[in-house]
Protein backbone atom coordinates (compact mmCIF):
# COMPACT_ATOMS: atom_id res chain seq x y z
CA MET A 1 -8.00 -16.73 -46.54
CA THR A 2 -6.91 -15.53 -49.97
CA THR A 3 -4.00 -13.21 -50.65
CA SER A 4 -6.40 -10.51 -51.88
CA THR A 5 -7.95 -10.15 -48.43
CA ILE A 6 -4.64 -9.54 -46.65
CA PRO A 7 -4.26 -5.86 -47.76
CA SER A 8 -7.81 -5.08 -46.63
CA ILE A 9 -7.14 -6.62 -43.21
CA VAL A 10 -3.90 -4.65 -42.84
CA GLY A 11 -5.65 -1.44 -43.89
CA SER A 12 -8.46 -2.05 -41.43
CA SER A 13 -5.93 -2.64 -38.65
CA LYS A 14 -4.16 0.64 -39.45
CA ARG A 15 -7.45 2.56 -39.44
CA SER A 16 -8.35 1.00 -36.09
CA LYS A 17 -5.03 2.08 -34.60
CA ARG A 18 -5.52 5.61 -35.94
CA VAL A 19 -8.97 5.80 -34.34
CA GLN A 20 -7.54 4.55 -31.04
CA PHE A 21 -4.72 7.10 -31.20
CA PHE A 22 -7.22 9.90 -31.93
CA LEU A 23 -9.41 8.88 -28.98
CA LEU A 24 -6.41 8.73 -26.68
CA CYS A 25 -5.43 12.24 -27.75
CA LEU A 26 -8.94 13.43 -26.86
CA PHE A 27 -8.72 11.89 -23.39
CA ILE A 28 -5.27 13.30 -22.60
CA PRO A 29 -6.63 16.72 -21.46
CA LEU A 30 -9.05 15.01 -19.07
CA PHE A 31 -6.09 13.54 -17.19
CA THR A 32 -3.59 16.38 -17.54
CA ILE A 33 -5.79 19.39 -16.73
CA PRO A 34 -6.33 18.47 -13.04
CA PHE A 35 -2.59 17.88 -12.65
CA TYR A 36 -1.86 21.22 -14.32
CA VAL A 37 -4.24 23.04 -11.96
CA VAL A 38 -2.70 21.41 -8.87
CA LEU A 39 0.86 22.02 -10.03
CA SER A 40 0.34 25.66 -11.06
CA ALA A 41 -1.60 26.51 -7.89
CA SER A 42 1.18 25.02 -5.75
CA PHE A 43 3.61 27.65 -7.05
CA LYS A 44 1.24 30.60 -6.66
CA THR A 45 0.85 33.02 -3.79
CA SER A 46 -2.14 32.77 -1.49
CA GLN A 47 -3.78 35.72 -3.28
CA GLY A 48 -2.96 34.39 -6.75
CA ALA A 49 -4.33 30.90 -6.15
CA ASP A 50 -8.04 31.42 -6.62
CA VAL A 51 -10.83 29.49 -8.27
CA THR A 52 -11.31 32.22 -10.83
CA THR A 53 -7.63 32.23 -11.85
CA MET A 54 -6.81 28.53 -11.56
CA TRP A 55 -6.30 28.19 -15.34
CA LYS A 56 -3.61 30.86 -15.45
CA LEU A 57 0.09 30.33 -14.88
CA PRO A 58 1.51 31.89 -11.70
CA ALA A 59 2.06 35.62 -12.04
CA GLU A 60 4.62 35.32 -9.24
CA TRP A 61 6.38 31.98 -8.81
CA THR A 62 6.90 31.02 -5.17
CA THR A 63 7.41 27.88 -3.10
CA SER A 64 5.78 29.31 0.02
CA GLY A 65 2.71 27.11 -0.43
CA ILE A 66 4.85 23.98 -0.73
CA SER A 67 6.89 24.98 2.33
CA LYS A 68 3.79 25.57 4.44
CA ALA A 69 2.19 22.33 3.26
CA TRP A 70 5.33 20.31 4.02
CA GLU A 71 5.66 21.95 7.43
CA ALA A 72 2.09 20.93 8.23
CA LEU A 73 2.23 17.43 6.70
CA SER A 74 5.83 16.24 7.18
CA GLY A 75 5.03 14.36 10.38
CA ASN A 76 1.94 12.77 8.87
CA PHE A 77 3.92 11.89 5.74
CA LYS A 78 6.35 9.92 7.91
CA ASN A 79 3.39 8.30 9.69
CA SER A 80 2.10 7.03 6.34
CA LEU A 81 5.50 5.59 5.44
CA PHE A 82 5.88 3.84 8.80
CA MET A 83 2.39 2.37 8.40
CA VAL A 84 2.29 1.55 4.69
CA ILE A 85 5.62 -0.26 4.23
CA PRO A 86 5.07 -3.02 6.83
CA ALA A 87 1.38 -3.33 5.88
CA VAL A 88 2.26 -3.89 2.22
CA ALA A 89 5.08 -6.32 3.01
CA ILE A 90 3.13 -8.43 5.51
CA SER A 91 -0.12 -8.59 3.52
CA SER A 92 1.79 -9.53 0.35
CA LEU A 93 3.79 -12.23 2.13
CA ILE A 94 0.68 -13.74 3.74
CA GLY A 95 -1.19 -13.54 0.44
CA SER A 96 1.67 -15.27 -1.39
CA LEU A 97 1.74 -18.13 1.14
CA ASN A 98 -2.05 -18.48 0.95
CA GLY A 99 -1.97 -18.41 -2.85
CA PHE A 100 0.77 -21.06 -2.93
CA ILE A 101 -1.12 -23.42 -0.62
CA LEU A 102 -4.47 -22.94 -2.36
CA SER A 103 -3.00 -23.43 -5.83
CA LYS A 104 -0.62 -26.36 -5.25
CA TYR A 105 -2.11 -28.26 -2.31
CA LYS A 106 -5.65 -29.49 -2.77
CA PHE A 107 -7.37 -30.47 0.46
CA LYS A 108 -10.92 -30.81 1.72
CA PHE A 109 -12.87 -27.54 1.57
CA SER A 110 -9.93 -25.70 -0.05
CA ASN A 111 -12.19 -24.12 -2.68
CA THR A 112 -14.74 -23.21 -0.01
CA ILE A 113 -12.05 -21.55 2.11
CA PHE A 114 -10.80 -19.62 -0.90
CA THR A 115 -14.33 -18.47 -1.76
CA LEU A 116 -15.01 -17.35 1.80
CA MET A 117 -11.70 -15.51 1.83
CA LEU A 118 -12.65 -13.62 -1.34
CA VAL A 119 -15.88 -12.47 0.31
CA GLY A 120 -13.70 -10.07 2.29
CA MET A 121 -13.01 -8.13 -0.90
CA PHE A 122 -16.67 -7.20 -1.23
CA ILE A 123 -17.41 -6.12 2.34
CA PRO A 124 -18.00 -2.34 2.36
CA TYR A 125 -15.70 -0.39 4.64
CA GLN A 126 -18.59 1.39 6.35
CA THR A 127 -20.19 -1.82 7.61
CA ILE A 128 -17.22 -2.88 9.73
CA LEU A 129 -16.21 0.46 11.25
CA ILE A 130 -17.87 -0.07 14.65
CA PRO A 131 -16.66 -3.67 15.23
CA MET A 132 -13.23 -2.66 13.90
CA VAL A 133 -12.93 0.18 16.43
CA ARG A 134 -14.18 -2.06 19.24
CA PHE A 135 -11.63 -4.74 18.36
CA LEU A 136 -8.75 -2.24 18.22
CA GLN A 137 -9.80 -0.89 21.61
CA LEU A 138 -9.89 -4.44 22.98
CA VAL A 139 -6.32 -5.18 21.87
CA HIS A 140 -5.15 -1.66 22.89
CA LEU A 141 -4.23 -0.62 19.34
CA TYR A 142 -6.90 2.03 18.78
CA GLY A 143 -5.40 5.39 17.84
CA THR A 144 -2.03 3.89 16.88
CA LEU A 145 -0.23 3.34 13.58
CA PRO A 146 0.27 -0.41 14.27
CA GLY A 147 -3.49 -0.73 14.72
CA LEU A 148 -4.13 0.99 11.37
CA ALA A 149 -1.47 -1.19 9.72
CA LEU A 150 -3.18 -4.29 11.14
CA VAL A 151 -6.50 -3.21 9.61
CA HIS A 152 -4.93 -2.80 6.17
CA ILE A 153 -3.07 -6.10 6.46
CA ILE A 154 -6.27 -8.01 7.20
CA TYR A 155 -8.24 -6.15 4.53
CA GLY A 156 -5.50 -6.75 1.97
CA ILE A 157 -5.16 -10.51 2.46
CA PRO A 158 -8.11 -11.49 0.18
CA ILE A 159 -6.92 -9.53 -2.85
CA THR A 160 -3.25 -10.54 -2.43
CA THR A 161 -4.33 -14.17 -2.04
CA LEU A 162 -6.28 -13.94 -5.30
CA MET A 163 -3.35 -12.35 -7.12
CA PHE A 164 -0.80 -14.91 -5.97
CA ARG A 165 -3.11 -17.88 -6.44
CA ASN A 166 -3.60 -16.93 -10.09
CA PHE A 167 0.14 -16.32 -10.41
CA TYR A 168 1.13 -19.70 -8.95
CA VAL A 169 -1.26 -21.57 -11.22
CA SER A 170 1.25 -20.94 -14.03
CA VAL A 171 4.14 -22.33 -11.95
CA PRO A 172 4.78 -26.02 -12.85
CA LYS A 173 3.65 -28.38 -10.12
CA ALA A 174 6.68 -30.54 -10.97
CA LEU A 175 8.82 -28.07 -8.99
CA VAL A 176 6.77 -28.70 -5.86
CA GLU A 177 6.78 -32.48 -6.41
CA ALA A 178 10.56 -32.50 -6.96
CA ALA A 179 11.09 -30.56 -3.74
CA SER A 180 8.82 -32.97 -1.90
CA ILE A 181 10.84 -35.95 -3.18
CA ASP A 182 14.01 -34.26 -1.91
CA GLY A 183 12.44 -34.03 1.54
CA ALA A 184 11.45 -30.36 1.56
CA GLY A 185 8.32 -29.48 3.50
CA LEU A 186 5.71 -26.91 2.63
CA LEU A 187 7.48 -23.89 4.13
CA LYS A 188 10.91 -24.89 2.86
CA THR A 189 9.51 -25.40 -0.65
CA PHE A 190 7.83 -22.03 -0.51
CA PHE A 191 10.79 -20.02 0.78
CA ARG A 192 13.53 -21.82 -1.15
CA ILE A 193 11.85 -22.46 -4.52
CA ILE A 194 8.59 -20.58 -4.97
CA LEU A 195 9.44 -17.25 -3.33
CA PRO A 196 12.40 -16.44 -5.63
CA LEU A 197 10.08 -16.97 -8.62
CA SER A 198 7.43 -14.62 -7.21
CA ILE A 199 9.04 -11.22 -7.85
CA PRO A 200 6.54 -10.24 -10.62
CA GLY A 201 3.68 -11.18 -8.31
CA PHE A 202 5.12 -9.15 -5.44
CA VAL A 203 5.54 -6.13 -7.71
CA VAL A 204 1.88 -6.24 -8.77
CA ALA A 205 0.56 -6.93 -5.27
CA GLY A 206 2.93 -4.35 -3.74
CA ILE A 207 1.93 -1.54 -6.10
CA TYR A 208 -1.76 -2.35 -5.72
CA GLN A 209 -1.56 -2.52 -1.93
CA PHE A 210 0.67 0.54 -1.62
CA THR A 211 -1.72 2.63 -3.69
CA ASN A 212 -4.81 1.50 -1.80
CA ILE A 213 -3.30 1.87 1.67
CA TRP A 214 -1.57 5.19 0.98
CA ASN A 215 -4.70 6.76 -0.51
CA ASP A 216 -7.02 5.50 2.24
CA PHE A 217 -8.88 8.21 4.11
CA LEU A 218 -11.74 6.51 5.96
CA PHE A 219 -9.76 4.02 8.05
CA GLY A 220 -7.11 6.60 8.84
CA ILE A 221 -9.52 9.19 10.21
CA VAL A 222 -11.67 6.66 12.11
CA THR A 223 -8.97 4.56 13.75
CA ILE A 224 -6.66 7.49 14.62
CA PRO A 225 -8.62 10.52 15.91
CA ASN A 226 -5.47 12.42 16.98
CA PRO A 227 -4.39 14.60 14.00
CA VAL A 228 -0.72 14.32 14.98
CA ASN A 229 -0.70 10.54 14.51
CA GLN A 230 -2.89 10.41 11.40
CA PRO A 231 -1.60 9.41 7.94
CA VAL A 232 -1.02 12.13 5.39
CA THR A 233 -4.29 11.63 3.48
CA ALA A 234 -6.32 12.13 6.66
CA ALA A 235 -4.21 15.11 7.75
CA LEU A 236 -4.66 16.69 4.32
CA ASN A 237 -8.25 17.42 5.30
CA ASN A 238 -6.99 19.68 8.11
CA LEU A 239 -5.28 22.07 5.68
CA SER A 240 -8.59 23.60 4.64
CA GLY A 241 -9.61 26.27 7.11
CA THR A 242 -13.09 26.79 8.51
CA GLN A 243 -13.50 30.31 7.14
CA THR A 244 -10.97 30.66 4.30
CA VAL A 245 -8.92 28.22 2.23
CA ASP A 246 -5.33 28.83 1.13
CA TRP A 247 -5.59 27.07 -2.21
CA ASN A 248 -1.87 27.17 -2.86
CA VAL A 249 -1.16 25.33 0.41
CA LEU A 250 -4.00 22.87 -0.12
CA MET A 251 -2.93 22.08 -3.69
CA ALA A 252 0.69 21.74 -2.60
CA GLY A 253 -0.42 19.34 0.13
CA SER A 254 -2.30 17.29 -2.44
CA LEU A 255 0.82 17.19 -4.59
CA ILE A 256 2.96 16.04 -1.67
CA ALA A 257 0.43 13.35 -0.71
CA ALA A 258 0.24 12.04 -4.28
CA LEU A 259 4.00 12.04 -4.89
CA PRO A 260 4.92 8.58 -3.47
CA THR A 261 2.39 6.66 -5.57
CA ALA A 262 3.39 8.61 -8.68
CA ILE A 263 7.07 7.83 -8.09
CA MET A 264 6.29 4.16 -7.52
CA TYR A 265 4.41 3.88 -10.82
CA LEU A 266 7.18 5.72 -12.66
CA LEU A 267 9.88 3.44 -11.25
CA LEU A 268 8.02 0.13 -11.26
CA GLY A 269 5.37 0.65 -13.95
CA ARG A 270 7.25 -1.51 -16.45
CA TYR A 271 7.49 -4.38 -13.98
CA TYR A 272 3.84 -3.89 -13.07
CA ILE A 273 2.79 -4.49 -16.68
CA GLN A 274 5.07 -7.51 -16.89
CA GLY A 275 3.52 -8.91 -13.73
CA LEU A 276 0.02 -8.41 -15.08
CA THR A 277 0.80 -10.14 -18.35
CA SER A 278 2.65 -13.01 -16.63
CA GLY A 279 -0.53 -14.05 -14.81
CA SER A 280 -0.44 -12.19 -11.50
CA VAL A 281 -3.93 -10.78 -12.16
CA LYS A 282 -6.45 -12.32 -14.50
């Protein structure tokens, strides 16, 4: 490469960045307009929140819609927290142990087991609804939050295993060999040496699992038919009436249901990117 070509390359790079910036500016309204509609409607009165006036700012600012939505969804919001937190923690821990074993301990049929485990990622939810309900009834967990948490734990193991297996590939095998020489077994090596190094992987797997489990609607409404015990995303469907819809209450409910995932990304987004770039997901 000659010195005369360097300015042209730099100029081309600058033009490319300008085009990217321009395209990003065009896409910003596509993401912000729905949020604006939800936010503005949440602070409107029942009469002011209408499809024909959804673009306008509230003529009368009020929190009545948010109060009614929280009154209707507060119990279900707590249900989601009680279900999501253990489901995320257990599925991530099992996935990390699976990923450690499959990446550092090669044994007969290990690749086959890993492949079969990944098949679970591609099974459509609708195909396992009937056997899932029958199994939960058999173990007396149907209609309960622990039963729903168990479903999400099992469904989350394949993806968390994939994430942690790819993450542990970058961990030097010399650490495992040194621990083995010192007399540490598999579990002791994992909990004493590997687990403290796995924080970026747990951040990525935790955010991914939290988002998927919190936003789930199908499993929540199928496994828990009682509206009182349902998670918040399933209970959100009950805010819309059969004859009329209070759009301010419905939009406020949507805002409340979306708040935890938004807060998680705001607080842990930086660590999420670091985990992605460090090899947690490839």
